[in-house]
Amino acid sequence: MSSGKVASKDVNVLVTVADSHRAELDAVAESLSAAGMSVAQKFKLGGVIAGEVPRHRLGAIRKCEGVSSVEEEPHFKAV
């Protein structure tokens, strides 16, 4: 049985930066931070930013200018 606490837990994410914003990767990372993401690493060559974000802030980071996609780290639970 799941609880409401699981929904508010931070999730690890990989954010892909749109090709049109790759030159501004640092600015996109700053926008993500302002939207509530804790940026852990920036991969300039691949145009990817890794970090963690509270689950309730996922929508905000998806709306940041320059964000192409947001992928959550899969979460597996033992049965």
N, C-alpha and C. Protein backbone atom coordinates (compact mmCIF):
# COMPACT_ATOMS: atom_id res chain seq x y z
N MET A 1 0.85 -1.16 0.00
CA MET A 1 0.00 0.00 0.00
C MET A 1 0.90 1.23 0.00
N SER A 2 0.63 2.19 -0.89
CA SER A 2 1.46 3.39 -0.95
C SER A 2 0.84 4.49 -0.11
N SER A 3 1.70 5.42 0.28
CA SER A 3 1.22 6.53 1.09
C SER A 3 1.44 7.84 0.34
N GLY A 4 0.87 8.91 0.83
CA GLY A 4 1.03 10.21 0.23
C GLY A 4 2.47 10.71 0.29
N LYS A 5 3.27 10.19 1.22
CA LYS A 5 4.65 10.62 1.36
C LYS A 5 5.48 10.26 0.14
N VAL A 6 5.18 9.14 -0.50
CA VAL A 6 5.95 8.71 -1.66
C VAL A 6 5.81 9.74 -2.77
N ALA A 7 4.64 10.31 -2.95
CA ALA A 7 4.39 11.26 -4.03
C ALA A 7 5.23 12.53 -3.90
N SER A 8 5.61 12.91 -2.68
CA SER A 8 6.35 14.15 -2.49
C SER A 8 7.87 13.93 -2.47
N LYS A 9 8.31 12.72 -2.60
CA LYS A 9 9.73 12.40 -2.54
C LYS A 9 10.47 12.96 -3.75
N ASP A 10 11.72 13.33 -3.53
CA ASP A 10 12.55 13.80 -4.64
C ASP A 10 12.82 12.64 -5.60
N VAL A 11 12.88 12.99 -6.88
CA VAL A 11 13.18 11.99 -7.91
C VAL A 11 14.41 12.45 -8.69
N ASN A 12 15.21 11.49 -9.10
CA ASN A 12 16.37 11.77 -9.94
C ASN A 12 15.87 11.91 -11.37
N VAL A 13 16.38 12.92 -12.08
CA VAL A 13 15.95 13.17 -13.44
C VAL A 13 17.13 13.45 -14.35
N LEU A 14 16.90 13.17 -15.63
CA LEU A 14 17.81 13.58 -16.70
C LEU A 14 17.01 14.52 -17.59
N VAL A 15 17.50 15.73 -17.75
CA VAL A 15 16.84 16.73 -18.57
C VAL A 15 17.63 16.88 -19.86
N THR A 16 16.97 16.68 -20.99
CA THR A 16 17.60 16.88 -22.28
C THR A 16 17.31 18.31 -22.74
N VAL A 17 18.37 19.02 -23.10
CA VAL A 17 18.25 20.39 -23.55
C VAL A 17 18.00 20.39 -25.06
N ALA A 18 17.06 21.22 -25.49
CA ALA A 18 16.74 21.32 -26.92
C ALA A 18 17.97 21.76 -27.70
N ASP A 19 18.11 21.25 -28.92
CA ASP A 19 19.25 21.62 -29.76
C ASP A 19 19.38 23.13 -29.90
N SER A 20 18.27 23.81 -29.97
CA SER A 20 18.28 25.27 -30.14
C SER A 20 18.83 26.01 -28.92
N HIS A 21 18.96 25.30 -27.78
CA HIS A 21 19.44 25.93 -26.54
C HIS A 21 20.73 25.31 -26.01
N ARG A 22 21.37 24.44 -26.80
CA ARG A 22 22.59 23.78 -26.32
C ARG A 22 23.69 24.77 -25.97
N ALA A 23 23.80 25.85 -26.71
CA ALA A 23 24.84 26.85 -26.43
C ALA A 23 24.57 27.57 -25.11
N GLU A 24 23.32 27.53 -24.65
CA GLU A 24 22.94 28.18 -23.38
C GLU A 24 22.68 27.15 -22.28
N LEU A 25 23.40 26.05 -22.29
CA LEU A 25 23.16 24.98 -21.32
C LEU A 25 23.26 25.48 -19.88
N ASP A 26 24.22 26.35 -19.60
CA ASP A 26 24.36 26.88 -18.24
C ASP A 26 23.14 27.70 -17.84
N ALA A 27 22.60 28.49 -18.77
CA ALA A 27 21.41 29.29 -18.48
C ALA A 27 20.19 28.40 -18.26
N VAL A 28 20.09 27.30 -19.02
CA VAL A 28 18.99 26.35 -18.82
C VAL A 28 19.12 25.72 -17.43
N ALA A 29 20.34 25.37 -17.04
CA ALA A 29 20.58 24.79 -15.71
C ALA A 29 20.17 25.76 -14.61
N GLU A 30 20.44 27.05 -14.81
CA GLU A 30 20.04 28.05 -13.82
C GLU A 30 18.51 28.15 -13.74
N SER A 31 17.84 28.07 -14.88
CA SER A 31 16.37 28.08 -14.89
C SER A 31 15.80 26.87 -14.16
N LEU A 32 16.43 25.72 -14.38
CA LEU A 32 15.98 24.50 -13.70
C LEU A 32 16.16 24.64 -12.18
N SER A 33 17.27 25.21 -11.77
CA SER A 33 17.50 25.43 -10.34
C SER A 33 16.44 26.36 -9.76
N ALA A 34 16.12 27.43 -10.50
CA ALA A 34 15.11 28.37 -10.04
C ALA A 34 13.73 27.72 -9.95
N ALA A 35 13.51 26.68 -10.76
CA ALA A 35 12.23 25.98 -10.77
C ALA A 35 12.17 24.88 -9.70
N GLY A 36 13.27 24.70 -8.95
CA GLY A 36 13.25 23.73 -7.85
C GLY A 36 14.12 22.51 -8.02
N MET A 37 14.87 22.44 -9.10
CA MET A 37 15.74 21.28 -9.33
C MET A 37 17.11 21.51 -8.71
N SER A 38 17.64 20.48 -8.08
CA SER A 38 19.01 20.51 -7.58
C SER A 38 19.89 19.90 -8.67
N VAL A 39 20.64 20.74 -9.38
CA VAL A 39 21.46 20.29 -10.50
C VAL A 39 22.72 19.61 -9.96
N ALA A 40 22.94 18.37 -10.37
CA ALA A 40 24.10 17.61 -9.92
C ALA A 40 25.23 17.65 -10.94
N GLN A 41 24.88 17.50 -12.23
CA GLN A 41 25.89 17.48 -13.28
C GLN A 41 25.33 18.04 -14.57
N LYS A 42 26.23 18.64 -15.35
CA LYS A 42 25.87 19.14 -16.67
C LYS A 42 26.78 18.44 -17.68
N PHE A 43 26.18 17.84 -18.67
CA PHE A 43 26.92 17.14 -19.72
C PHE A 43 26.78 17.96 -21.00
N LYS A 44 27.72 18.89 -21.19
CA LYS A 44 27.62 19.83 -22.31
C LYS A 44 27.66 19.12 -23.65
N LEU A 45 28.51 18.14 -23.80
CA LEU A 45 28.64 17.45 -25.08
C LEU A 45 27.33 16.78 -25.49
N GLY A 46 26.63 16.19 -24.52
CA GLY A 46 25.37 15.50 -24.82
C GLY A 46 24.14 16.37 -24.66
N GLY A 47 24.31 17.57 -24.09
CA GLY A 47 23.17 18.45 -23.88
C GLY A 47 22.20 17.92 -22.84
N VAL A 48 22.75 17.33 -21.78
CA VAL A 48 21.94 16.72 -20.72
C VAL A 48 22.32 17.31 -19.37
N ILE A 49 21.32 17.51 -18.54
CA ILE A 49 21.52 17.99 -17.17
C ILE A 49 20.91 16.97 -16.22
N ALA A 50 21.69 16.53 -15.24
CA ALA A 50 21.22 15.53 -14.28
C ALA A 50 21.03 16.19 -12.92
N GLY A 51 20.06 15.70 -12.18
CA GLY A 51 19.83 16.22 -10.84
C GLY A 51 18.63 15.57 -10.20
N GLU A 52 18.15 16.22 -9.14
CA GLU A 52 16.96 15.71 -8.47
C GLU A 52 16.00 16.86 -8.22
N VAL A 53 14.73 16.50 -8.15
CA VAL A 53 13.68 17.51 -8.02
C VAL A 53 12.54 16.91 -7.21
N PRO A 54 11.90 17.70 -6.37
CA PRO A 54 10.71 17.20 -5.68
C PRO A 54 9.65 16.83 -6.74
N ARG A 55 9.00 15.72 -6.54
CA ARG A 55 8.03 15.22 -7.52
C ARG A 55 7.01 16.30 -7.90
N HIS A 56 6.59 17.10 -6.94
CA HIS A 56 5.57 18.11 -7.24
C HIS A 56 6.10 19.25 -8.10
N ARG A 57 7.40 19.32 -8.35
CA ARG A 57 8.00 20.37 -9.18
C ARG A 57 8.33 19.89 -10.60
N LEU A 58 8.01 18.64 -10.92
CA LEU A 58 8.32 18.11 -12.25
C LEU A 58 7.68 18.94 -13.36
N GLY A 59 6.44 19.34 -13.18
CA GLY A 59 5.76 20.15 -14.19
C GLY A 59 6.48 21.47 -14.44
N ALA A 60 7.00 22.06 -13.38
CA ALA A 60 7.70 23.34 -13.51
C ALA A 60 8.99 23.20 -14.31
N ILE A 61 9.73 22.13 -14.09
CA ILE A 61 10.98 21.99 -14.85
C ILE A 61 10.70 21.61 -16.30
N ARG A 62 9.61 20.90 -16.54
CA ARG A 62 9.24 20.57 -17.93
C ARG A 62 8.89 21.83 -18.72
N LYS A 63 8.44 22.88 -18.04
CA LYS A 63 8.05 24.13 -18.70
C LYS A 63 9.20 25.11 -18.89
N CYS A 64 10.36 24.81 -18.35
CA CYS A 64 11.49 25.73 -18.48
C CYS A 64 11.90 25.85 -19.95
N GLU A 65 12.22 27.07 -20.34
CA GLU A 65 12.66 27.32 -21.71
C GLU A 65 13.94 26.54 -21.99
N GLY A 66 13.96 25.87 -23.14
CA GLY A 66 15.13 25.11 -23.55
C GLY A 66 15.08 23.64 -23.18
N VAL A 67 14.07 23.23 -22.44
CA VAL A 67 13.94 21.82 -22.04
C VAL A 67 13.22 21.05 -23.15
N SER A 68 13.87 20.01 -23.63
CA SER A 68 13.28 19.16 -24.66
C SER A 68 12.52 18.00 -24.01
N SER A 69 13.12 17.39 -22.99
CA SER A 69 12.45 16.28 -22.30
C SER A 69 12.99 16.12 -20.89
N VAL A 70 12.19 15.47 -20.05
CA VAL A 70 12.56 15.17 -18.67
C VAL A 70 12.28 13.70 -18.44
N GLU A 71 13.32 12.95 -18.10
CA GLU A 71 13.16 11.53 -17.83
C GLU A 71 13.41 11.26 -16.35
N GLU A 72 12.47 10.57 -15.73
CA GLU A 72 12.63 10.18 -14.33
C GLU A 72 13.40 8.88 -14.25
N GLU A 73 14.22 8.77 -13.22
CA GLU A 73 14.93 7.51 -12.97
C GLU A 73 13.89 6.46 -12.59
N PRO A 74 13.96 5.30 -13.20
CA PRO A 74 13.00 4.26 -12.84
C PRO A 74 13.13 3.89 -11.35
N HIS A 75 12.00 3.63 -10.73
CA HIS A 75 12.00 3.24 -9.33
C HIS A 75 11.42 1.84 -9.23
N PHE A 76 12.21 0.93 -8.70
CA PHE A 76 11.77 -0.44 -8.55
C PHE A 76 11.50 -0.74 -7.09
N LYS A 77 10.45 -1.48 -6.85
CA LYS A 77 10.07 -1.82 -5.48
C LYS A 77 10.00 -3.34 -5.37
N ALA A 78 10.63 -3.87 -4.35
CA ALA A 78 10.57 -5.31 -4.11
C ALA A 78 9.17 -5.71 -3.72
N VAL A 79 8.76 -6.83 -4.23
CA VAL A 79 7.40 -7.30 -3.94
C VAL A 79 7.45 -8.40 -2.90
